Amino acid sequence: MAFLPVFLWTDILLFTLLAATVLMVIYIRRKPHLCRPWKQVFSTSRGMISSLILLVFIGIGVADSLHFRLALQPTEEEASHHFHSDVLSVLDLILTPLRSQVEKTYSAPFAHQQFTKEMIQNEGSLHYGYPDLKYGGQHLTNPADKLQDIANKSAKASLFALGATLTMIALWLSWLCWHRASSLRDVLKRYWSDEAGYPVTTAWLTLFLILLFASNLLYLGQFYHVLGTDKVGQDVLYQTLKSIRTGLLIGSLTTLIMLPMAVTMGIAAGYFRGWIDDLIQYIYTTLNAIPGVLLIAAAVLMLQVYINNHPQLFTTAAERADIRLLFLCLILGVTSWTGLCRILRSETLKLREAEYVQAAKALGVPGPTILHRHILPNLMHIVLITVVLDFSGLVLAEAVLSYVGVGVDPTMISWGNMINSARLEMARDPIVWWSLVAAFIFMFLLVLAANLFADSVRDAFDPRHQVIT
């Protein structure tokens, strides 16, 4: 076999979460009362745009979670395959030009020369200047034509994005005509006038802009370093795209860990009260009294000592970095469930006095049945809204923790590590600004899309908002 599949713990948990999401979607589609608010989420332009952007980020994260090790060329003495120690992903294959075109050191975005000066040998003489890059812009016969070359290549990429969008629209309209047994004119009239209830025009325009942005970055990235290179000459665009998986895992796996504790303890404290309520309040009050950063730092450093003392348990550097990422998600989950637990406790205290809950008690309905059928469904909008809002906060938390040195492994590419490595370069003259700006822009897009999607979910699921509107 030409490659050996590699299953990291975070990959397994991520695909388990995706499978659970697919099953939940199938279940929701069969329940009209659950499907109705989700239709309202995607019926707004804000919800449609943010969901499409999030799907792009999720697609990149999934492609970066399919890991494998390539086979080495077998020798004449050994017929069996040996595999490379580097763990790659499907995203690495897609971004091979960006991954393989490594320069000597810093270079600015779209530059054809190195950012720093050094001694250059030319025809037997030495002079001090900016050497040409090994890959960036070296296809140019005349560097003065760089702007024209960038414009031409950008036009080609833009035409490809336009053609791809028009092709998908044509296929979509053909499928609608066949599925609804309607003419093209009727279908266009229905969706152009927004009779379908969804912002179709906004969705296709957003998809075109995403394809336009992606095609320009990837096509120009084969000839230039679009976002420059870092200190060791690695392409910053490649690092930024690889950081998406880390941000998604921090946000999703941490939520998956903290959600059962928050929901179970919050409902139990509010419904049973008494000594159970006192015990749970004591637990989360004590946990809140401990500075979160210190607790995370202590746990991560203890894990690092264990990894250093037991190197035989981890065959590759990717496995060591993965177990630290998983442990970081676990610690963040343990320290971030208290806020949602407190909210659910207060809401459960009100719901347990509602008339329908009192009637169920009078009829002899068991407590677990009341919690399952009456309390939990009326709290799900709070859980859903809080989870989506906390996702963006956890993405930002990774950047802060990696900045102070207690985040993900330094060998793992993440926005926090990019910012941490770029902070010392801000004191240079001239400033090396592109690593910091690239990490900021992509992290800003992910967090903004998550917050906009959270606003749409809140508007659709919050009963108080529905009453007001």
Protein backbone atom coordinates (compact mmCIF):
# COMPACT_ATOMS: atom_id res chain seq x y z
CA MET A 1 0.00 0.00 0.00
CA ALA A 2 1.36 3.43 -0.97
CA PHE A 3 0.21 5.00 2.27
CA LEU A 4 -0.63 4.07 5.84
CA PRO A 5 -3.81 5.59 7.34
CA VAL A 6 -3.25 7.39 10.63
CA PHE A 7 -6.09 7.78 13.11
CA LEU A 8 -5.43 10.47 15.68
CA TRP A 9 -7.67 10.79 18.72
CA THR A 10 -8.91 14.20 17.66
CA ASP A 11 -9.71 12.85 14.18
CA ILE A 12 -11.84 10.06 15.67
CA LEU A 13 -13.71 12.47 17.93
CA LEU A 14 -14.22 14.97 15.12
CA PHE A 15 -15.73 12.40 12.76
CA THR A 16 -17.85 11.01 15.59
CA LEU A 17 -19.18 14.51 16.16
CA LEU A 18 -19.90 14.91 12.43
CA ALA A 19 -21.73 11.56 12.35
CA ALA A 20 -23.81 12.61 15.35
CA THR A 21 -24.61 15.90 13.60
CA VAL A 22 -25.78 14.06 10.47
CA LEU A 23 -28.02 11.80 12.57
CA MET A 24 -29.40 14.83 14.37
CA VAL A 25 -30.20 16.51 11.03
CA ILE A 26 -32.04 13.38 9.88
CA TYR A 27 -34.00 13.33 13.13
CA ILE A 28 -34.87 17.04 12.94
CA ARG A 29 -36.14 16.71 9.37
CA ARG A 30 -38.74 14.19 10.62
CA LYS A 31 -39.99 16.50 13.37
CA PRO A 32 -41.90 19.56 12.03
CA HIS A 33 -41.73 21.43 15.35
CA LEU A 34 -37.92 21.11 15.34
CA CYS A 35 -37.52 21.74 11.63
CA ARG A 36 -39.50 25.00 11.71
CA PRO A 37 -37.00 27.13 13.72
CA TRP A 38 -34.06 25.81 11.69
CA LYS A 39 -35.83 26.86 8.51
CA GLN A 40 -36.16 30.30 10.07
CA VAL A 41 -32.39 30.35 10.70
CA PHE A 42 -31.61 29.79 7.01
CA SER A 43 -34.41 32.02 5.77
CA THR A 44 -32.45 35.14 6.72
CA SER A 45 -29.53 36.51 4.73
CA ARG A 46 -27.42 36.69 7.87
CA GLY A 47 -27.98 33.03 8.69
CA MET A 48 -27.39 31.89 5.10
CA ILE A 49 -24.14 33.82 4.63
CA SER A 50 -22.67 32.82 8.00
CA SER A 51 -23.60 29.14 7.56
CA LEU A 52 -21.94 28.98 4.12
CA ILE A 53 -18.75 30.52 5.50
CA LEU A 54 -18.77 28.08 8.42
CA LEU A 55 -19.27 25.16 6.02
CA VAL A 56 -16.15 26.23 4.12
CA PHE A 57 -14.12 26.31 7.34
CA ILE A 58 -15.54 22.93 8.38
CA GLY A 59 -14.69 21.45 4.97
CA ILE A 60 -11.08 22.61 5.31
CA GLY A 61 -10.92 21.19 8.83
CA VAL A 62 -12.31 17.81 7.71
CA ALA A 63 -9.82 17.61 4.81
CA ASP A 64 -7.02 18.34 7.28
CA SER A 65 -8.25 15.53 9.57
CA LEU A 66 -7.79 12.71 7.04
CA HIS A 67 -4.22 11.74 7.98
CA PHE A 68 -1.81 9.23 6.50
CA ARG A 69 1.89 8.42 6.13
CA LEU A 70 3.41 7.95 2.70
CA ALA A 71 5.38 4.80 1.91
CA LEU A 72 9.11 4.99 1.38
CA GLN A 73 10.71 3.36 -1.64
CA PRO A 74 11.47 -0.26 -0.67
CA THR A 75 15.06 -1.47 -0.99
CA GLU A 76 16.16 -4.54 -2.94
CA GLU A 77 16.81 -6.48 0.29
CA GLU A 78 13.42 -5.67 1.84
CA ALA A 79 10.20 -6.15 -0.07
CA SER A 80 8.00 -4.77 2.70
CA HIS A 81 7.02 -1.12 2.78
CA HIS A 82 8.40 1.35 5.28
CA PHE A 83 6.53 4.56 5.89
CA HIS A 84 7.68 8.13 6.31
CA SER A 85 7.64 9.56 9.81
CA ASP A 86 5.83 12.73 8.69
CA VAL A 87 2.05 12.57 9.04
CA LEU A 88 0.27 14.31 6.16
CA SER A 89 -3.38 15.04 5.43
CA VAL A 90 -5.59 15.39 2.37
CA LEU A 91 -5.31 19.16 2.75
CA ASP A 92 -1.53 18.83 2.53
CA LEU A 93 -1.92 17.07 -0.81
CA ILE A 94 -4.23 19.81 -2.09
CA LEU A 95 -1.81 22.49 -0.91
CA THR A 96 1.34 20.71 -2.13
CA PRO A 97 2.69 23.77 -4.01
CA LEU A 98 2.30 25.92 -0.89
CA ARG A 99 3.76 23.23 1.38
CA SER A 100 6.76 22.36 -0.76
CA GLN A 101 7.84 25.85 -1.89
CA VAL A 102 9.94 26.76 1.15
CA GLU A 103 12.21 29.78 0.97
CA LYS A 104 15.27 30.63 3.05
CA THR A 105 13.64 33.17 5.37
CA TYR A 106 11.20 36.09 5.35
CA SER A 107 9.63 37.40 2.17
CA ALA A 108 6.81 39.93 1.86
CA PRO A 109 3.46 39.14 0.19
CA PHE A 110 3.82 38.83 -3.63
CA ALA A 111 7.56 39.56 -3.37
CA HIS A 112 10.12 38.15 -5.76
CA GLN A 113 13.07 39.00 -3.52
CA GLN A 114 13.98 38.12 0.03
CA PHE A 115 12.90 40.54 2.77
CA THR A 116 16.33 40.73 4.42
CA LYS A 117 19.66 41.61 2.86
CA GLU A 118 22.66 39.29 2.72
CA MET A 119 25.91 38.85 0.81
CA ILE A 120 25.23 37.79 -2.79
CA GLN A 121 27.83 36.29 -5.08
CA ASN A 122 27.37 37.35 -8.70
CA GLU A 123 29.92 36.47 -11.39
CA GLY A 124 32.76 36.16 -8.90
CA SER A 125 31.99 39.40 -7.04
CA LEU A 126 30.22 39.89 -3.72
CA HIS A 127 27.69 42.59 -2.95
CA TYR A 128 25.18 43.26 -0.20
CA GLY A 129 21.56 43.18 -1.34
CA TYR A 130 18.24 41.36 -1.55
CA PRO A 131 18.62 37.90 -3.11
CA ASP A 132 15.94 36.50 -5.41
CA LEU A 133 13.52 34.01 -3.98
CA LYS A 134 13.78 30.37 -4.91
CA TYR A 135 10.10 30.03 -5.89
CA GLY A 136 8.15 33.26 -5.48
CA GLY A 137 7.92 35.21 -8.74
CA GLN A 138 10.75 33.30 -10.39
CA HIS A 139 8.64 32.52 -13.46
CA LEU A 140 8.92 36.20 -14.45
CA THR A 141 11.43 37.10 -17.13
CA ASN A 142 11.18 40.76 -16.15
CA PRO A 143 10.30 41.63 -12.52
CA ALA A 144 8.81 44.92 -13.72
CA ASP A 145 5.93 42.93 -15.26
CA LYS A 146 4.88 41.51 -11.88
CA LEU A 147 1.74 43.62 -11.45
CA GLN A 148 0.54 42.78 -14.96
CA ASP A 149 1.24 39.09 -14.35
CA ILE A 150 -0.72 39.15 -11.07
CA ALA A 151 -3.63 40.87 -12.82
CA ASN A 152 -3.67 38.30 -15.64
CA LYS A 153 -3.55 35.34 -13.30
CA SER A 154 -6.19 36.88 -11.06
CA ALA A 155 -8.45 37.34 -14.10
CA LYS A 156 -8.03 33.67 -15.04
CA ALA A 157 -8.88 32.57 -11.49
CA SER A 158 -11.89 34.90 -11.41
CA LEU A 159 -13.20 33.51 -14.70
CA PHE A 160 -12.82 29.98 -13.33
CA ALA A 161 -14.81 30.95 -10.20
CA LEU A 162 -17.54 32.53 -12.37
CA GLY A 163 -17.70 29.49 -14.65
CA ALA A 164 -17.85 27.08 -11.71
CA THR A 165 -20.65 29.10 -10.09
CA LEU A 166 -22.69 29.27 -13.31
CA THR A 167 -22.22 25.53 -13.84
CA MET A 168 -23.48 24.73 -10.33
CA ILE A 169 -26.45 27.06 -10.81
CA ALA A 170 -27.31 25.33 -14.10
CA LEU A 171 -27.11 21.88 -12.47
CA TRP A 172 -29.21 23.08 -9.54
CA LEU A 173 -31.91 24.52 -11.80
CA SER A 174 -31.94 21.34 -13.90
CA TRP A 175 -32.43 19.24 -10.78
CA LEU A 176 -35.25 21.51 -9.57
CA CYS A 177 -37.03 21.29 -12.92
CA TRP A 178 -36.79 17.49 -12.86
CA HIS A 179 -37.70 17.15 -9.17
CA ARG A 180 -40.70 19.50 -9.29
CA ALA A 181 -41.73 18.61 -12.84
CA SER A 182 -41.88 22.34 -13.63
CA SER A 183 -40.58 24.49 -16.43
CA LEU A 184 -37.43 26.54 -16.09
CA ARG A 185 -39.48 29.72 -16.21
CA ASP A 186 -41.66 28.68 -13.26
CA VAL A 187 -38.64 27.67 -11.20
CA LEU A 188 -36.84 30.95 -11.90
CA LYS A 189 -39.96 32.94 -11.06
CA ARG A 190 -40.42 31.07 -7.79
CA TYR A 191 -36.87 31.55 -6.53
CA TRP A 192 -36.22 35.00 -8.00
CA SER A 193 -39.27 36.39 -6.19
CA ASP A 194 -38.22 34.63 -2.94
CA GLU A 195 -41.43 32.60 -2.87
CA ALA A 196 -39.43 29.62 -1.61
CA GLY A 197 -38.72 31.43 1.67
CA TYR A 198 -34.93 31.28 1.37
CA PRO A 199 -32.50 34.01 0.20
CA VAL A 200 -31.38 32.01 -2.83
CA THR A 201 -29.81 34.98 -4.61
CA THR A 202 -27.80 35.85 -1.51
CA ALA A 203 -26.65 32.24 -1.16
CA TRP A 204 -25.36 32.00 -4.74
CA LEU A 205 -23.68 35.40 -4.52
CA THR A 206 -21.95 34.35 -1.30
CA LEU A 207 -20.84 31.09 -2.88
CA PHE A 208 -19.44 32.98 -5.87
CA LEU A 209 -17.47 35.32 -3.62
CA ILE A 210 -16.07 32.35 -1.66
CA LEU A 211 -15.01 30.62 -4.88
CA LEU A 212 -13.55 33.88 -6.17
CA PHE A 213 -11.49 34.37 -3.03
CA ALA A 214 -10.35 30.72 -2.86
CA SER A 215 -9.47 30.38 -6.55
CA ASN A 216 -7.38 33.55 -6.52
CA LEU A 217 -5.49 32.51 -3.39
CA LEU A 218 -4.77 28.96 -4.57
CA TYR A 219 -3.91 29.84 -8.16
CA LEU A 220 -1.70 32.80 -7.33
CA GLY A 221 -0.16 30.74 -4.52
CA GLN A 222 1.41 28.44 -7.11
CA PHE A 223 3.52 31.34 -8.46
CA TYR A 224 3.81 33.77 -5.53
CA HIS A 225 3.78 33.70 -1.76
CA VAL A 226 0.45 35.51 -1.52
CA LEU A 227 0.75 36.16 2.22
CA GLY A 228 4.55 36.05 2.37
CA THR A 229 6.77 33.61 4.27
CA ASP A 230 7.85 33.31 7.90
CA LYS A 231 11.28 33.17 9.54
CA VAL A 232 12.05 29.66 8.24
CA GLY A 233 10.64 30.40 4.78
CA GLN A 234 7.34 28.51 5.10
CA ASP A 235 4.36 29.92 3.22
CA VAL A 236 2.10 31.91 5.56
CA LEU A 237 -1.04 31.09 3.54
CA TYR A 238 -0.33 27.38 4.09
CA GLN A 239 0.10 27.95 7.82
CA THR A 240 -3.12 29.94 8.02
CA LEU A 241 -5.19 27.27 6.29
CA LYS A 242 -3.64 24.52 8.44
CA SER A 243 -4.57 26.50 11.56
CA ILE A 244 -8.29 26.19 10.77
CA ARG A 245 -8.44 22.59 12.00
CA THR A 246 -6.89 23.53 15.34
CA GLY A 247 -9.41 26.33 15.88
CA LEU A 248 -12.36 24.12 14.96
CA LEU A 249 -11.22 21.30 17.25
CA ILE A 250 -10.73 23.65 20.18
CA GLY A 251 -14.22 25.06 19.70
CA SER A 252 -16.11 21.83 18.96
CA LEU A 253 -14.42 19.22 21.16
CA THR A 254 -14.34 21.52 24.18
CA THR A 255 -18.06 22.11 23.76
CA LEU A 256 -18.64 18.36 23.44
CA ILE A 257 -16.78 17.79 26.71
CA MET A 258 -18.40 20.52 28.78
CA LEU A 259 -21.99 20.12 27.53
CA PRO A 260 -22.95 16.90 29.43
CA MET A 261 -21.60 18.26 32.72
CA ALA A 262 -23.31 21.63 32.34
CA VAL A 263 -26.70 20.22 31.30
CA THR A 264 -26.79 17.39 33.85
CA MET A 265 -25.64 19.40 36.85
CA GLY A 266 -27.60 22.53 35.94
CA ILE A 267 -30.92 20.70 35.60
CA ALA A 268 -30.29 18.52 38.65
CA ALA A 269 -29.46 21.53 40.84
CA GLY A 270 -32.54 23.46 39.76
CA TYR A 271 -35.04 20.61 39.88
CA PHE A 272 -34.06 18.60 42.97
CA ARG A 273 -32.75 21.54 45.05
CA GLY A 274 -31.81 20.71 48.64
CA TRP A 275 -28.42 19.12 49.29
CA ILE A 276 -27.96 18.32 45.59
CA ASP A 277 -28.26 22.01 44.71
CA ASP A 278 -25.87 22.95 47.53
CA LEU A 279 -23.28 20.39 46.40
CA ILE A 280 -23.36 21.45 42.75
CA GLN A 281 -23.19 25.14 43.67
CA TYR A 282 -20.20 24.39 45.89
CA ILE A 283 -18.45 22.57 43.01
CA TYR A 284 -18.81 25.30 40.38
CA THR A 285 -18.22 28.12 42.87
CA THR A 286 -14.95 26.48 43.95
CA LEU A 287 -13.95 25.89 40.34
CA ASN A 288 -14.68 29.52 39.45
CA ALA A 289 -12.48 30.67 42.33
CA ILE A 290 -9.42 29.07 40.68
CA PRO A 291 -7.82 31.25 37.96
CA GLY A 292 -8.52 29.41 34.73
CA VAL A 293 -5.21 30.23 33.07
CA LEU A 294 -3.23 28.88 36.04
CA LEU A 295 -5.24 25.66 36.10
CA ILE A 296 -4.80 25.17 32.35
CA ALA A 297 -1.09 25.95 32.56
CA ALA A 298 -0.55 23.47 35.41
CA ALA A 299 -2.43 20.70 33.60
CA VAL A 300 -0.69 21.25 30.25
CA LEU A 301 2.78 21.39 31.83
CA MET A 302 2.08 18.18 33.78
CA LEU A 303 1.06 16.48 30.54
CA GLN A 304 4.20 17.73 28.81
CA VAL A 305 6.35 16.20 31.55
CA TYR A 306 4.53 12.88 31.07
CA ILE A 307 5.08 13.00 27.31
CA ASN A 308 8.78 13.75 27.76
CA ASN A 309 9.19 10.87 30.23
CA HIS A 310 7.33 8.34 28.05
CA PRO A 311 8.44 8.98 24.45
CA GLN A 312 7.88 5.32 23.52
CA LEU A 313 4.09 5.83 23.71
CA PHE A 314 4.13 8.28 20.78
CA THR A 315 5.64 7.10 17.50
CA THR A 316 5.38 10.43 15.64
CA ALA A 317 5.51 14.11 16.49
CA ALA A 318 1.93 14.44 15.24
CA GLU A 319 0.70 12.01 17.89
CA ARG A 320 2.46 13.95 20.64
CA ALA A 321 0.97 17.23 19.44
CA ASP A 322 -2.45 15.59 19.07
CA ILE A 323 -2.59 14.25 22.62
CA ARG A 324 -1.67 17.70 23.96
CA LEU A 325 -4.45 19.27 21.87
CA LEU A 326 -6.93 16.70 23.17
CA PHE A 327 -5.83 17.32 26.76
CA LEU A 328 -6.15 21.07 26.24
CA CYS A 329 -9.74 20.57 25.01
CA LEU A 330 -10.43 18.46 28.10
CA ILE A 331 -9.09 21.11 30.49
CA LEU A 332 -10.96 23.90 28.72
CA GLY A 333 -14.15 21.82 28.91
CA VAL A 334 -13.71 21.19 32.64
CA THR A 335 -13.15 24.90 33.32
CA SER A 336 -15.85 26.36 31.02
CA TRP A 337 -19.03 24.45 31.94
CA THR A 338 -19.85 26.51 35.02
CA GLY A 339 -21.43 29.46 33.19
CA LEU A 340 -23.96 27.36 31.28
CA CYS A 341 -24.64 25.29 34.42
CA ARG A 342 -25.55 28.40 36.39
CA ILE A 343 -27.91 29.62 33.65
CA LEU A 344 -29.64 26.23 33.35
CA ARG A 345 -30.05 26.02 37.12
CA SER A 346 -31.85 29.35 37.31
CA GLU A 347 -34.11 28.49 34.36
CA THR A 348 -34.93 25.07 35.84
CA LEU A 349 -35.90 26.71 39.14
CA LYS A 350 -38.55 28.67 37.22
CA LEU A 351 -39.72 25.79 35.05
CA ARG A 352 -40.24 23.40 37.98
CA GLU A 353 -42.93 25.79 39.29
CA ALA A 354 -44.75 25.93 35.94
CA GLU A 355 -48.32 24.64 35.88
CA TYR A 356 -47.69 21.81 33.43
CA VAL A 357 -44.82 20.51 35.58
CA GLN A 358 -46.95 20.70 38.72
CA ALA A 359 -49.75 18.88 36.91
CA ALA A 360 -47.35 16.13 35.85
CA LYS A 361 -46.23 15.72 39.47
CA ALA A 362 -49.83 15.54 40.66
CA LEU A 363 -50.56 12.80 38.13
CA GLY A 364 -47.66 10.76 39.48
CA VAL A 365 -45.27 11.15 36.57
CA PRO A 366 -41.75 10.05 37.65
CA GLY A 367 -39.07 12.70 38.06
CA PRO A 368 -36.79 11.45 35.23
CA THR A 369 -39.75 11.51 32.82
CA ILE A 370 -40.56 15.10 33.81
CA LEU A 371 -36.96 16.11 33.25
CA HIS A 372 -36.84 14.40 29.86
CA ARG A 373 -40.23 15.49 28.48
CA HIS A 374 -40.92 18.85 30.12
CA ILE A 375 -37.76 20.47 31.52
CA LEU A 376 -35.03 19.62 28.99
CA PRO A 377 -36.98 20.53 25.79
CA ASN A 378 -37.74 23.98 27.22
CA LEU A 379 -34.05 24.54 27.94
CA MET A 380 -32.64 23.44 24.59
CA HIS A 381 -32.82 26.92 23.05
CA ILE A 382 -30.59 28.21 25.87
CA VAL A 383 -28.17 25.31 25.43
CA LEU A 384 -28.00 25.77 21.66
CA ILE A 385 -27.51 29.53 21.82
CA THR A 386 -24.84 29.28 24.53
CA VAL A 387 -22.94 26.55 22.68
CA VAL A 388 -22.75 28.53 19.44
CA LEU A 389 -21.70 31.68 21.28
CA ASP A 390 -19.06 29.84 23.32
CA PHE A 391 -17.53 28.39 20.15
CA SER A 392 -16.11 31.74 19.07
CA GLY A 393 -14.82 32.44 22.57
CA LEU A 394 -12.97 29.13 22.64
CA VAL A 395 -11.34 29.84 19.26
CA LEU A 396 -10.02 33.10 20.68
CA ALA A 397 -8.96 31.32 23.89
CA GLU A 398 -6.63 29.05 21.89
CA ALA A 399 -4.87 32.09 20.45
CA VAL A 400 -4.42 33.63 23.90
CA LEU A 401 -3.19 30.39 25.52
CA SER A 402 -0.73 29.65 22.72
CA TYR A 403 0.49 33.25 22.96
CA VAL A 404 1.42 32.77 26.63
CA GLY A 405 2.97 29.37 25.91
CA VAL A 406 0.42 26.98 27.49
CA GLY A 407 -1.70 26.27 24.43
CA VAL A 408 -1.22 23.67 21.73
CA ASP A 409 2.14 22.04 21.03
CA PRO A 410 4.68 24.45 19.47
CA THR A 411 5.10 22.04 16.53
CA MET A 412 1.37 22.23 15.72
CA ILE A 413 0.34 25.00 13.35
CA SER A 414 -2.28 27.26 14.90
CA TRP A 415 -3.27 30.91 14.87
CA GLY A 416 -2.02 31.28 18.43
CA ASN A 417 1.41 29.92 17.54
CA MET A 418 1.52 32.16 14.47
CA ILE A 419 0.77 35.21 16.63
CA ASN A 420 3.26 34.07 19.26
CA SER A 421 6.05 33.68 16.69
CA ALA A 422 5.20 37.01 15.04
CA ARG A 423 5.11 39.14 18.19
CA LEU A 424 8.90 39.52 18.38
CA GLU A 425 9.04 40.58 14.74
CA MET A 426 6.81 43.59 15.43
CA ALA A 427 9.86 45.31 16.93
CA ARG A 428 11.85 44.97 13.70
CA ASP A 429 12.47 47.83 11.34
CA PRO A 430 10.90 47.33 8.87
CA ILE A 431 8.10 45.38 10.57
CA VAL A 432 7.31 41.79 9.57
CA TRP A 433 3.54 42.23 9.78
CA TRP A 434 2.03 39.62 7.43
CA SER A 435 2.01 36.58 9.76
CA LEU A 436 0.10 38.49 12.43
CA VAL A 437 -2.32 40.04 9.92
CA ALA A 438 -3.01 36.73 8.16
CA ALA A 439 -3.80 34.93 11.43
CA PHE A 440 -5.97 37.84 12.54
CA ILE A 441 -8.00 37.99 9.30
CA PHE A 442 -8.83 34.27 9.14
CA MET A 443 -9.56 34.07 12.85
CA PHE A 444 -11.75 37.17 12.53
CA LEU A 445 -13.71 35.59 9.66
CA LEU A 446 -14.36 32.37 11.59
CA VAL A 447 -15.36 34.13 14.82
CA LEU A 448 -17.54 36.68 12.98
CA ALA A 449 -19.35 33.94 11.04
CA ALA A 450 -19.91 31.97 14.26
CA ASN A 451 -21.30 35.04 16.06
CA LEU A 452 -23.63 35.94 13.18
CA PHE A 453 -24.86 32.35 13.03
CA ALA A 454 -25.40 32.44 16.81
CA ASP A 455 -27.50 35.59 16.44
CA SER A 456 -29.67 33.85 13.83
CA VAL A 457 -30.06 30.80 16.06
CA ARG A 458 -31.03 33.01 19.00
CA ASP A 459 -33.66 34.84 16.95
CA ALA A 460 -35.17 31.54 15.79
CA PHE A 461 -35.08 29.55 19.04
CA ASP A 462 -35.50 32.09 21.85
CA PRO A 463 -39.23 32.13 22.78
CA ARG A 464 -38.94 35.57 24.38
CA HIS A 465 -37.58 37.04 21.16
CA GLN A 466 -40.38 35.42 19.18
CA VAL A 467 -42.95 37.00 21.48
CA ILE A 468 -41.38 40.42 21.06
CA THR A 469 -41.28 40.20 17.29
